Amino acid sequence: MTDEPERIERLALNGQPMPEDAGFADKLLYLSMRSLYDLYRRGGISREEAKEIKTNLLEDHRIYSFDEKLLDHHAHIRNGYSHILTEAEKHGCPICKKIVRIFDGRK
């Protein structure tokens, strides 16, 4: 689940627990924001530094969320044709078997 980054940031800021169904990108943002706010509160970085880091974290989250969605999409597609590739490997012609090896990365 990819949450809106503002909600994740609010949870981290207020020390609330991370959603149990959070995906990798959301977990990474949550933990990074918790660390950032903790470091700022302890005086380890200035407000300006914190703002710059926060901007970078949000941009990274956007990219990682996109990558996560893309990976899930490709997994869904692979699941849709995997049984066909299995059949083609067992019973297919030489061209079909060659195509299966290419899909499997065996070339």
PDB file of N, CA and C in Angstrom:
ATOM      1  N   MET A   1       0.849  -1.178   0.000  1.00  0.00           N
ATOM      2  CA  MET A   1       0.000   0.000   0.000  1.00  0.00           C
ATOM      3  C   MET A   1       0.889   1.234   0.000  1.00  0.00           C
ATOM      4  N   THR A   2       0.674   2.098  -0.934  1.00  0.00           N
ATOM      5  CA  THR A   2       1.406   3.352  -0.928  1.00  0.00           C
ATOM      6  C   THR A   2       0.458   4.442  -0.467  1.00  0.00           C
ATOM      7  N   ASP A   3       0.747   4.951   0.705  1.00  0.00           N
ATOM      8  CA  ASP A   3      -0.059   6.006   1.306  1.00  0.00           C
ATOM      9  C   ASP A   3       0.360   7.348   0.739  1.00  0.00           C
ATOM     10  N   GLU A   4      -0.446   8.329   0.999  1.00  0.00           N
ATOM     11  CA  GLU A   4      -0.013   9.669   0.647  1.00  0.00           C
ATOM     12  C   GLU A   4       1.119  10.052   1.595  1.00  0.00           C
ATOM     13  N   PRO A   5       2.173  10.662   1.064  1.00  0.00           N
ATOM     14  CA  PRO A   5       3.344  10.956   1.892  1.00  0.00           C
ATOM     15  C   PRO A   5       3.041  11.887   3.064  1.00  0.00           C
ATOM     16  N   GLU A   6       2.050  12.766   2.900  1.00  0.00           N
ATOM     17  CA  GLU A   6       1.721  13.687   3.995  1.00  0.00           C
ATOM     18  C   GLU A   6       1.216  12.927   5.217  1.00  0.00           C
ATOM     19  N   ARG A   7       0.420  11.887   4.988  1.00  0.00           N
ATOM     20  CA  ARG A   7      -0.104  11.090   6.102  1.00  0.00           C
ATOM     21  C   ARG A   7       1.030  10.347   6.808  1.00  0.00           C
ATOM     22  N   ILE A   8       1.933   9.789   6.027  1.00  0.00           N
ATOM     23  CA  ILE A   8       3.068   9.073   6.598  1.00  0.00           C
ATOM     24  C   ILE A   8       3.929  10.024   7.410  1.00  0.00           C
ATOM     25  N   GLU A   9       4.154  11.197   6.874  1.00  0.00           N
ATOM     26  CA  GLU A   9       4.954  12.206   7.584  1.00  0.00           C
ATOM     27  C   GLU A   9       4.295  12.585   8.913  1.00  0.00           C
ATOM     28  N   ARG A  10       2.973  12.771   8.889  1.00  0.00           N
ATOM     29  CA  ARG A  10       2.235  13.129  10.111  1.00  0.00           C
ATOM     30  C   ARG A  10       2.365  12.032  11.166  1.00  0.00           C
ATOM     31  N   LEU A  11       2.255  10.784  10.740  1.00  0.00           N
ATOM     32  CA  LEU A  11       2.396   9.669  11.671  1.00  0.00           C
ATOM     33  C   LEU A  11       3.788   9.672  12.296  1.00  0.00           C
ATOM     34  N   ALA A  12       4.800   9.874  11.457  1.00  0.00           N
ATOM     35  CA  ALA A  12       6.177   9.900  11.954  1.00  0.00           C
ATOM     36  C   ALA A  12       6.406  11.067  12.905  1.00  0.00           C
ATOM     37  N   LEU A  13       5.896  12.229  12.541  1.00  0.00           N
ATOM     38  CA  LEU A  13       6.056  13.432  13.356  1.00  0.00           C
ATOM     39  C   LEU A  13       5.444  13.247  14.743  1.00  0.00           C
ATOM     40  N   ASN A  14       4.285  12.624  14.791  1.00  0.00           N
ATOM     41  CA  ASN A  14       3.563  12.458  16.053  1.00  0.00           C
ATOM     42  C   ASN A  14       3.902  11.168  16.792  1.00  0.00           C
ATOM     43  N   GLY A  15       4.848  10.404  16.271  1.00  0.00           N
ATOM     44  CA  GLY A  15       5.257   9.169  16.938  1.00  0.00           C
ATOM     45  C   GLY A  15       4.200   8.081  16.900  1.00  0.00           C
ATOM     46  N   GLN A  16       3.287   8.177  15.956  1.00  0.00           N
ATOM     47  CA  GLN A  16       2.245   7.154  15.831  1.00  0.00           C
ATOM     48  C   GLN A  16       2.804   5.965  15.054  1.00  0.00           C
ATOM     49  N   PRO A  17       2.217   4.793  15.241  1.00  0.00           N
ATOM     50  CA  PRO A  17       2.747   3.614  14.554  1.00  0.00           C
ATOM     51  C   PRO A  17       2.548   3.685  13.038  1.00  0.00           C
ATOM     52  N   MET A  18       3.441   2.996  12.364  1.00  0.00           N
ATOM     53  CA  MET A  18       3.361   2.893  10.917  1.00  0.00           C
ATOM     54  C   MET A  18       2.223   1.939  10.564  1.00  0.00           C
ATOM     55  N   PRO A  19       1.502   2.196   9.482  1.00  0.00           N
ATOM     56  CA  PRO A  19       0.438   1.272   9.075  1.00  0.00           C
ATOM     57  C   PRO A  19       0.993  -0.131   8.834  1.00  0.00           C
ATOM     58  N   GLU A  20       0.278  -1.142   9.286  1.00  0.00           N
ATOM     59  CA  GLU A  20       0.751  -2.523   9.163  1.00  0.00           C
ATOM     60  C   GLU A  20       0.882  -2.954   7.716  1.00  0.00           C
ATOM     61  N   ASP A  21       0.066  -2.415   6.840  1.00  0.00           N
ATOM     62  CA  ASP A  21       0.098  -2.820   5.439  1.00  0.00           C
ATOM     63  C   ASP A  21       0.963  -1.906   4.576  1.00  0.00           C
ATOM     64  N   ALA A  22       1.845  -1.148   5.205  1.00  0.00           N
ATOM     65  CA  ALA A  22       2.696  -0.221   4.464  1.00  0.00           C
ATOM     66  C   ALA A  22       3.658  -0.990   3.562  1.00  0.00           C
ATOM     67  N   GLY A  23       3.858  -0.465   2.366  1.00  0.00           N
ATOM     68  CA  GLY A  23       4.820  -1.036   1.441  1.00  0.00           C
ATOM     69  C   GLY A  23       6.219  -0.545   1.765  1.00  0.00           C
ATOM     70  N   PHE A  24       7.179  -1.028   0.993  1.00  0.00           N
ATOM     71  CA  PHE A  24       8.575  -0.680   1.238  1.00  0.00           C
ATOM     72  C   PHE A  24       8.812   0.830   1.184  1.00  0.00           C
ATOM     73  N   ALA A  25       8.309   1.484   0.159  1.00  0.00           N
ATOM     74  CA  ALA A  25       8.530   2.922  -0.004  1.00  0.00           C
ATOM     75  C   ALA A  25       7.960   3.694   1.187  1.00  0.00           C
ATOM     76  N   ASP A  26       6.777   3.290   1.653  1.00  0.00           N
ATOM     77  CA  ASP A  26       6.148   3.960   2.794  1.00  0.00           C
ATOM     78  C   ASP A  26       6.931   3.713   4.082  1.00  0.00           C
ATOM     79  N   LYS A  27       7.395   2.489   4.269  1.00  0.00           N
ATOM     80  CA  LYS A  27       8.198   2.175   5.464  1.00  0.00           C
ATOM     81  C   LYS A  27       9.480   2.986   5.480  1.00  0.00           C
ATOM     82  N   LEU A  28      10.115   3.063   4.325  1.00  0.00           N
ATOM     83  CA  LEU A  28      11.355   3.821   4.233  1.00  0.00           C
ATOM     84  C   LEU A  28      11.126   5.299   4.548  1.00  0.00           C
ATOM     85  N   LEU A  29      10.057   5.867   4.006  1.00  0.00           N
ATOM     86  CA  LEU A  29       9.745   7.266   4.285  1.00  0.00           C
ATOM     87  C   LEU A  29       9.433   7.468   5.760  1.00  0.00           C
ATOM     88  N   TYR A  30       8.620   6.603   6.324  1.00  0.00           N
ATOM     89  CA  TYR A  30       8.227   6.714   7.730  1.00  0.00           C
ATOM     90  C   TYR A  30       9.457   6.704   8.643  1.00  0.00           C
ATOM     91  N   LEU A  31      10.304   5.698   8.447  1.00  0.00           N
ATOM     92  CA  LEU A  31      11.489   5.578   9.312  1.00  0.00           C
ATOM     93  C   LEU A  31      12.458   6.736   9.101  1.00  0.00           C
ATOM     94  N   SER A  32      12.583   7.173   7.857  1.00  0.00           N
ATOM     95  CA  SER A  32      13.465   8.307   7.570  1.00  0.00           C
ATOM     96  C   SER A  32      12.935   9.589   8.207  1.00  0.00           C
ATOM     97  N   MET A  33      11.635   9.802   8.114  1.00  0.00           N
ATOM     98  CA  MET A  33      11.031  10.997   8.723  1.00  0.00           C
ATOM     99  C   MET A  33      11.148  10.951  10.247  1.00  0.00           C
ATOM    100  N   ARG A  34      10.936   9.779  10.842  1.00  0.00           N
ATOM    101  CA  ARG A  34      11.094   9.675  12.307  1.00  0.00           C
ATOM    102  C   ARG A  34      12.509  10.062  12.714  1.00  0.00           C
ATOM    103  N   SER A  35      13.485   9.554  11.970  1.00  0.00           N
ATOM    104  CA  SER A  35      14.882   9.877  12.268  1.00  0.00           C
ATOM    105  C   SER A  35      15.170  11.360  12.055  1.00  0.00           C
ATOM    106  N   LEU A  36      14.635  11.905  10.982  1.00  0.00           N
ATOM    107  CA  LEU A  36      14.842  13.321  10.686  1.00  0.00           C
ATOM    108  C   LEU A  36      14.277  14.200  11.793  1.00  0.00           C
ATOM    109  N   TYR A  37      13.033  13.933  12.189  1.00  0.00           N
ATOM    110  CA  TYR A  37      12.425  14.746  13.244  1.00  0.00           C
ATOM    111  C   TYR A  37      13.149  14.579  14.570  1.00  0.00           C
ATOM    112  N   ASP A  38      13.604  13.380  14.848  1.00  0.00           N
ATOM    113  CA  ASP A  38      14.350  13.149  16.084  1.00  0.00           C
ATOM    114  C   ASP A  38      15.663  13.936  16.071  1.00  0.00           C
ATOM    115  N   LEU A  39      16.361  13.888  14.972  1.00  0.00           N
ATOM    116  CA  LEU A  39      17.620  14.610  14.844  1.00  0.00           C
ATOM    117  C   LEU A  39      17.400  16.119  14.967  1.00  0.00           C
ATOM    118  N   TYR A  40      16.344  16.619  14.355  1.00  0.00           N
ATOM    119  CA  TYR A  40      16.039  18.049  14.439  1.00  0.00           C
ATOM    120  C   TYR A  40      15.692  18.456  15.872  1.00  0.00           C
ATOM    121  N   ARG A  41      14.868  17.657  16.521  1.00  0.00           N
ATOM    122  CA  ARG A  41      14.456  17.973  17.903  1.00  0.00           C
ATOM    123  C   ARG A  41      15.642  17.982  18.860  1.00  0.00           C
ATOM    124  N   ARG A  42      16.621  17.123  18.607  1.00  0.00           N
ATOM    125  CA  ARG A  42      17.809  17.077  19.474  1.00  0.00           C
ATOM    126  C   ARG A  42      18.831  18.145  19.125  1.00  0.00           C
ATOM    127  N   GLY A  43      18.532  18.946  18.089  1.00  0.00           N
ATOM    128  CA  GLY A  43      19.438  20.025  17.708  1.00  0.00           C
ATOM    129  C   GLY A  43      20.593  19.573  16.839  1.00  0.00           C
ATOM    130  N   GLY A  44      20.484  18.395  16.262  1.00  0.00           N
ATOM    131  CA  GLY A  44      21.564  17.865  15.436  1.00  0.00           C
ATOM    132  C   GLY A  44      21.671  18.491  14.063  1.00  0.00           C
ATOM    133  N   ILE A  45      20.574  19.088  13.605  1.00  0.00           N
ATOM    134  CA  ILE A  45      20.584  19.775  12.313  1.00  0.00           C
ATOM    135  C   ILE A  45      19.722  21.020  12.415  1.00  0.00           C
ATOM    136  N   SER A  46      19.986  21.948  11.513  1.00  0.00           N
ATOM    137  CA  SER A  46      19.212  23.197  11.500  1.00  0.00           C
ATOM    138  C   SER A  46      17.883  22.971  10.786  1.00  0.00           C
ATOM    139  N   ARG A  47      17.020  23.958  10.916  1.00  0.00           N
ATOM    140  CA  ARG A  47      15.715  23.913  10.241  1.00  0.00           C
ATOM    141  C   ARG A  47      15.893  23.847   8.718  1.00  0.00           C
ATOM    142  N   GLU A  48      16.855  24.622   8.213  1.00  0.00           N
ATOM    143  CA  GLU A  48      17.109  24.641   6.769  1.00  0.00           C
ATOM    144  C   GLU A  48      17.601  23.278   6.279  1.00  0.00           C
ATOM    145  N   GLU A  49      18.507  22.670   7.057  1.00  0.00           N
ATOM    146  CA  GLU A  49      18.991  21.334   6.689  1.00  0.00           C
ATOM    147  C   GLU A  49      17.852  20.324   6.704  1.00  0.00           C
ATOM    148  N   ALA A  50      17.017  20.416   7.716  1.00  0.00           N
ATOM    149  CA  ALA A  50      15.883  19.497   7.830  1.00  0.00           C
ATOM    150  C   ALA A  50      14.944  19.651   6.639  1.00  0.00           C
ATOM    151  N   LYS A  51      14.680  20.891   6.223  1.00  0.00           N
ATOM    152  CA  LYS A  51      13.805  21.125   5.070  1.00  0.00           C
ATOM    153  C   LYS A  51      14.390  20.510   3.800  1.00  0.00           C
ATOM    154  N   GLU A  52      15.686  20.681   3.615  1.00  0.00           N
ATOM    155  CA  GLU A  52      16.337  20.128   2.424  1.00  0.00           C
ATOM    156  C   GLU A  52      16.284  18.594   2.432  1.00  0.00           C
ATOM    157  N   ILE A  53      16.566  18.007   3.568  1.00  0.00           N
ATOM    158  CA  ILE A  53      16.510  16.549   3.683  1.00  0.00           C
ATOM    159  C   ILE A  53      15.090  16.052   3.453  1.00  0.00           C
ATOM    160  N   LYS A  54      14.122  16.742   4.034  1.00  0.00           N
ATOM    161  CA  LYS A  54      12.718  16.356   3.859  1.00  0.00           C
ATOM    162  C   LYS A  54      12.323  16.401   2.385  1.00  0.00           C
ATOM    163  N   THR A  55      12.726  17.437   1.683  1.00  0.00           N
ATOM    164  CA  THR A  55      12.435  17.538   0.244  1.00  0.00           C
ATOM    165  C   THR A  55      13.015  16.346  -0.503  1.00  0.00           C
ATOM    166  N   ASN A  56      14.257  15.988  -0.178  1.00  0.00           N
ATOM    167  CA  ASN A  56      14.900  14.844  -0.828  1.00  0.00           C
ATOM    168  C   ASN A  56      14.196  13.532  -0.488  1.00  0.00           C
ATOM    169  N   LEU A  57      13.781  13.386   0.766  1.00  0.00           N
ATOM    170  CA  LEU A  57      13.072  12.171   1.172  1.00  0.00           C
ATOM    171  C   LEU A  57      11.748  12.022   0.437  1.00  0.00           C
ATOM    172  N   LEU A  58      11.035  13.116   0.289  1.00  0.00           N
ATOM    173  CA  LEU A  58       9.749  13.063  -0.414  1.00  0.00           C
ATOM    174  C   LEU A  58       9.931  12.737  -1.897  1.00  0.00           C
ATOM    175  N   GLU A  59      10.978  13.268  -2.499  1.00  0.00           N
ATOM    176  CA  GLU A  59      11.257  12.944  -3.903  1.00  0.00           C
ATOM    177  C   GLU A  59      11.654  11.471  -4.045  1.00  0.00           C
ATOM    178  N   ASP A  60      12.490  10.992  -3.134  1.00  0.00           N
ATOM    179  CA  ASP A  60      12.867   9.576  -3.153  1.00  0.00           C
ATOM    180  C   ASP A  60      11.629   8.698  -2.984  1.00  0.00           C
ATOM    181  N   HIS A  61      10.727   9.088  -2.093  1.00  0.00           N
ATOM    182  CA  HIS A  61       9.502   8.316  -1.868  1.00  0.00           C
ATOM    183  C   HIS A  61       8.669   8.258  -3.140  1.00  0.00           C
ATOM    184  N   ARG A  62       8.583   9.360  -3.845  1.00  0.00           N
ATOM    185  CA  ARG A  62       7.825   9.381  -5.099  1.00  0.00           C
ATOM    186  C   ARG A  62       8.411   8.375  -6.089  1.00  0.00           C
ATOM    187  N   ILE A  63       9.720   8.366  -6.214  1.00  0.00           N
ATOM    188  CA  ILE A  63      10.389   7.444  -7.142  1.00  0.00           C
ATOM    189  C   ILE A  63      10.221   5.997  -6.683  1.00  0.00           C
ATOM    190  N   TYR A  64      10.460   5.726  -5.402  1.00  0.00           N
ATOM    191  CA  TYR A  64      10.347   4.354  -4.892  1.00  0.00           C
ATOM    192  C   TYR A  64       8.909   3.849  -4.977  1.00  0.00           C
ATOM    193  N   SER A  65       7.951   4.723  -4.759  1.00  0.00           N
ATOM    194  CA  SER A  65       6.542   4.322  -4.872  1.00  0.00           C
ATOM    195  C   SER A  65       6.213   3.929  -6.302  1.00  0.00           C
ATOM    196  N   PHE A  66       6.709   4.711  -7.248  1.00  0.00           N
ATOM    197  CA  PHE A  66       6.494   4.385  -8.660  1.00  0.00           C
ATOM    198  C   PHE A  66       7.134   3.042  -8.994  1.00  0.00           C
ATOM    199  N   ASP A  67       8.372   2.837  -8.552  1.00  0.00           N
ATOM    200  CA  ASP A  67       9.066   1.574  -8.801  1.00  0.00           C
ATOM    201  C   ASP A  67       8.301   0.400  -8.186  1.00  0.00           C
ATOM    202  N   GLU A  68       7.782   0.601  -6.989  1.00  0.00           N
ATOM    203  CA  GLU A  68       7.032  -0.448  -6.303  1.00  0.00           C
ATOM    204  C   GLU A  68       5.753  -0.804  -7.068  1.00  0.00           C
ATOM    205  N   LYS A  69       5.054   0.203  -7.549  1.00  0.00           N
ATOM    206  CA  LYS A  69       3.842  -0.036  -8.337  1.00  0.00           C
ATOM    207  C   LYS A  69       4.180  -0.747  -9.639  1.00  0.00           C
ATOM    208  N   LEU A  70       5.263  -0.349 -10.270  1.00  0.00           N
ATOM    209  CA  LEU A  70       5.690  -0.966 -11.520  1.00  0.00           C
ATOM    210  C   LEU A  70       6.054  -2.435 -11.302  1.00  0.00           C
ATOM    211  N   LEU A  71       6.762  -2.713 -10.233  1.00  0.00           N
ATOM    212  CA  LEU A  71       7.125  -4.094  -9.898  1.00  0.00           C
ATOM    213  C   LEU A  71       5.881  -4.943  -9.654  1.00  0.00           C
ATOM    214  N   ASP A  72       4.934  -4.415  -8.914  1.00  0.00           N
ATOM    215  CA  ASP A  72       3.678  -5.137  -8.662  1.00  0.00           C
ATOM    216  C   ASP A  72       2.924  -5.389  -9.966  1.00  0.00           C
ATOM    217  N   HIS A  73       2.904  -4.405 -10.838  1.00  0.00           N
ATOM    218  CA  HIS A  73       2.221  -4.540 -12.123  1.00  0.00           C
ATOM    219  C   HIS A  73       2.863  -5.653 -12.957  1.00  0.00           C
ATOM    220  N   HIS A  74       4.184  -5.654 -13.010  1.00  0.00           N
ATOM    221  CA  HIS A  74       4.881  -6.687 -13.781  1.00  0.00           C
ATOM    222  C   HIS A  74       4.693  -8.067 -13.174  1.00  0.00           C
ATOM    223  N   ALA A  75       4.651  -8.157 -11.874  1.00  0.00           N
ATOM    224  CA  ALA A  75       4.401  -9.450 -11.226  1.00  0.00           C
ATOM    225  C   ALA A  75       3.012  -9.963 -11.590  1.00  0.00           C
ATOM    226  N   HIS A  76       2.047  -9.079 -11.621  1.00  0.00           N
ATOM    227  CA  HIS A  76       0.680  -9.447 -12.006  1.00  0.00           C
ATOM    228  C   HIS A  76       0.648  -9.961 -13.451  1.00  0.00           C
ATOM    229  N   ILE A  77       1.347  -9.283 -14.322  1.00  0.00           N
ATOM    230  CA  ILE A  77       1.410  -9.708 -15.718  1.00  0.00           C
ATOM    231  C   ILE A  77       2.085 -11.078 -15.824  1.00  0.00           C
ATOM    232  N   ARG A  78       3.218 -11.249 -15.150  1.00  0.00           N
ATOM    233  CA  ARG A  78       3.935 -12.536 -15.188  1.00  0.00           C
ATOM    234  C   ARG A  78       3.063 -13.670 -14.682  1.00  0.00           C
ATOM    235  N   ASN A  79       2.313 -13.406 -13.621  1.00  0.00           N
ATOM    236  CA  ASN A  79       1.418 -14.440 -13.094  1.00  0.00           C
ATOM    237  C   ASN A  79       0.363 -14.826 -14.113  1.00  0.00           C
ATOM    238  N   GLY A  80      -0.029 -13.881 -14.954  1.00  0.00           N
ATOM    239  CA  GLY A  80      -1.047 -14.147 -15.962  1.00  0.00           C
ATOM    240  C   GLY A  80      -0.583 -15.063 -17.074  1.00  0.00           C
ATOM    241  N   TYR A  81       0.695 -15.034 -17.406  1.00  0.00           N
ATOM    242  CA  TYR A  81       1.153 -15.875 -18.511  1.00  0.00           C
ATOM    243  C   TYR A  81       2.074 -17.016 -18.094  1.00  0.00           C
ATOM    244  N   SER A  82       2.366 -17.151 -16.822  1.00  0.00           N
ATOM    245  CA  SER A  82       3.314 -18.186 -16.392  1.00  0.00           C
ATOM    246  C   SER A  82       2.827 -19.596 -16.722  1.00  0.00           C
ATOM    247  N   HIS A  83       1.532 -19.844 -16.574  1.00  0.00           N
ATOM    248  CA  HIS A  83       1.033 -21.193 -16.877  1.00  0.00           C
ATOM    249  C   HIS A  83       1.148 -21.506 -18.364  1.00  0.00           C
ATOM    250  N   ILE A  84       1.022 -20.499 -19.210  1.00  0.00           N
ATOM    251  CA  ILE A  84       1.161 -20.701 -20.657  1.00  0.00           C
ATOM    252  C   ILE A  84       2.614 -21.037 -21.003  1.00  0.00           C
ATOM    253  N   LEU A  85       3.549 -20.362 -20.347  1.00  0.00           N
ATOM    254  CA  LEU A  85       4.955 -20.653 -20.589  1.00  0.00           C
ATOM    255  C   LEU A  85       5.320 -22.067 -20.138  1.00  0.00           C
ATOM    256  N   THR A  86       4.730 -22.506 -19.030  1.00  0.00           N
ATOM    257  CA  THR A  86       4.969 -23.871 -18.555  1.00  0.00           C
ATOM    258  C   THR A  86       4.495 -24.887 -19.587  1.00  0.00           C
ATOM    259  N   GLU A  87       3.310 -24.665 -20.117  1.00  0.00           N
ATOM    260  CA  GLU A  87       2.772 -25.569 -21.151  1.00  0.00           C
ATOM    261  C   GLU A  87       3.630 -25.528 -22.407  1.00  0.00           C
ATOM    262  N   ALA A  88       4.068 -24.342 -22.799  1.00  0.00           N
ATOM    263  CA  ALA A  88       4.897 -24.219 -23.999  1.00  0.00           C
ATOM    264  C   ALA A  88       6.233 -24.930 -23.813  1.00  0.00           C
ATOM    265  N   GLU A  89       6.779 -24.893 -22.619  1.00  0.00           N
ATOM    266  CA  GLU A  89       8.040 -25.587 -22.327  1.00  0.00           C
ATOM    267  C   GLU A  89       7.865 -27.098 -22.425  1.00  0.00           C
ATOM    268  N   LYS A  90       6.761 -27.596 -21.904  1.00  0.00           N
ATOM    269  CA  LYS A  90       6.515 -29.046 -21.900  1.00  0.00           C
ATOM    270  C   LYS A  90       6.136 -29.580 -23.277  1.00  0.00           C
ATOM    271  N   HIS A  91       5.271 -28.879 -23.972  1.00  0.00           N
ATOM    272  CA  HIS A  91       4.661 -29.436 -25.177  1.00  0.00           C
ATOM    273  C   HIS A  91       4.901 -28.614 -26.437  1.00  0.00           C
ATOM    274  N   GLY A  92       5.650 -27.551 -26.344  1.00  0.00           N
ATOM    275  CA  GLY A  92       5.759 -26.635 -27.475  1.00  0.00           C
ATOM    276  C   GLY A  92       6.780 -27.031 -28.518  1.00  0.00           C
ATOM    277  N   CYS A  93       6.690 -26.363 -29.621  1.00  0.00           N
ATOM    278  CA  CYS A  93       7.645 -26.532 -30.713  1.00  0.00           C
ATOM    279  C   CYS A  93       8.973 -25.876 -30.321  1.00  0.00           C
ATOM    280  N   PRO A  94      10.023 -26.079 -31.098  1.00  0.00           N
ATOM    281  CA  PRO A  94      11.317 -25.469 -30.769  1.00  0.00           C
ATOM    282  C   PRO A  94      11.266 -23.946 -30.645  1.00  0.00           C
ATOM    283  N   ILE A  95      10.478 -23.287 -31.468  1.00  0.00           N
ATOM    284  CA  ILE A  95      10.349 -21.820 -31.382  1.00  0.00           C
ATOM    285  C   ILE A  95       9.671 -21.439 -30.065  1.00  0.00           C
ATOM    286  N   CYS A  96       8.620 -22.175 -29.685  1.00  0.00           N
ATOM    287  CA  CYS A  96       7.934 -21.898 -28.411  1.00  0.00           C
ATOM    288  C   CYS A  96       8.899 -22.060 -27.243  1.00  0.00           C
ATOM    289  N   LYS A  97       9.693 -23.116 -27.272  1.00  0.00           N
ATOM    290  CA  LYS A  97      10.660 -23.367 -26.190  1.00  0.00           C
ATOM    291  C   LYS A  97      11.720 -22.273 -26.138  1.00  0.00           C
ATOM    292  N   LYS A  98      12.102 -21.783 -27.310  1.00  0.00           N
ATOM    293  CA  LYS A  98      13.075 -20.680 -27.358  1.00  0.00           C
ATOM    294  C   LYS A  98      12.471 -19.423 -26.733  1.00  0.00           C
ATOM    295  N   ILE A  99      11.222 -19.149 -27.030  1.00  0.00           N
ATOM    296  CA  ILE A  99      10.538 -17.991 -26.444  1.00  0.00           C
ATOM    297  C   ILE A  99      10.457 -18.122 -24.925  1.00  0.00           C
ATOM    298  N   VAL A 100      10.177 -19.327 -24.436  1.00  0.00           N
ATOM    299  CA  VAL A 100      10.118 -19.564 -22.987  1.00  0.00           C
ATOM    300  C   VAL A 100      11.473 -19.270 -22.360  1.00  0.00           C
ATOM    301  N   ARG A 101      12.546 -19.733 -22.995  1.00  0.00           N
ATOM    302  CA  ARG A 101      13.896 -19.480 -22.440  1.00  0.00           C
ATOM    303  C   ARG A 101      14.197 -17.975 -22.391  1.00  0.00           C
ATOM    304  N   ILE A 102      13.737 -17.247 -23.397  1.00  0.00           N
ATOM    305  CA  ILE A 102      13.954 -15.802 -23.398  1.00  0.00           C
ATOM    306  C   ILE A 102      13.178 -15.150 -22.246  1.00  0.00           C
ATOM    307  N   PHE A 103      11.918 -15.547 -22.063  1.00  0.00           N
ATOM    308  CA  PHE A 103      11.115 -15.004 -20.956  1.00  0.00           C
ATOM    309  C   PHE A 103      11.736 -15.343 -19.607  1.00  0.00           C
ATOM    310  N   ASP A 104      12.309 -16.537 -19.499  1.00  0.00           N
ATOM    311  CA  ASP A 104      12.921 -16.983 -18.247  1.00  0.00           C
ATOM    312  C   ASP A 104      14.305 -16.390 -18.021  1.00  0.00           C
ATOM    313  N   GLY A 105      14.835 -15.729 -19.048  1.00  0.00           N
ATOM    314  CA  GLY A 105      16.169 -15.151 -18.924  1.00  0.00           C
ATOM    315  C   GLY A 105      17.279 -16.140 -19.210  1.00  0.00           C
ATOM    316  N   ARG A 106      16.940 -17.291 -19.801  1.00  0.00           N
ATOM    317  CA  ARG A 106      17.951 -18.313 -20.089  1.00  0.00           C
ATOM    318  C   ARG A 106      18.539 -18.171 -21.487  1.00  0.00           C
ATOM    319  N   LYS A 107      17.861 -17.505 -22.368  1.00  0.00           N
ATOM    320  CA  LYS A 107      18.267 -17.316 -23.769  1.00  0.00           C
ATOM    321  C   LYS A 107      18.866 -18.583 -24.287  1.00  0.00           C
TER     322      LYS A 107
END
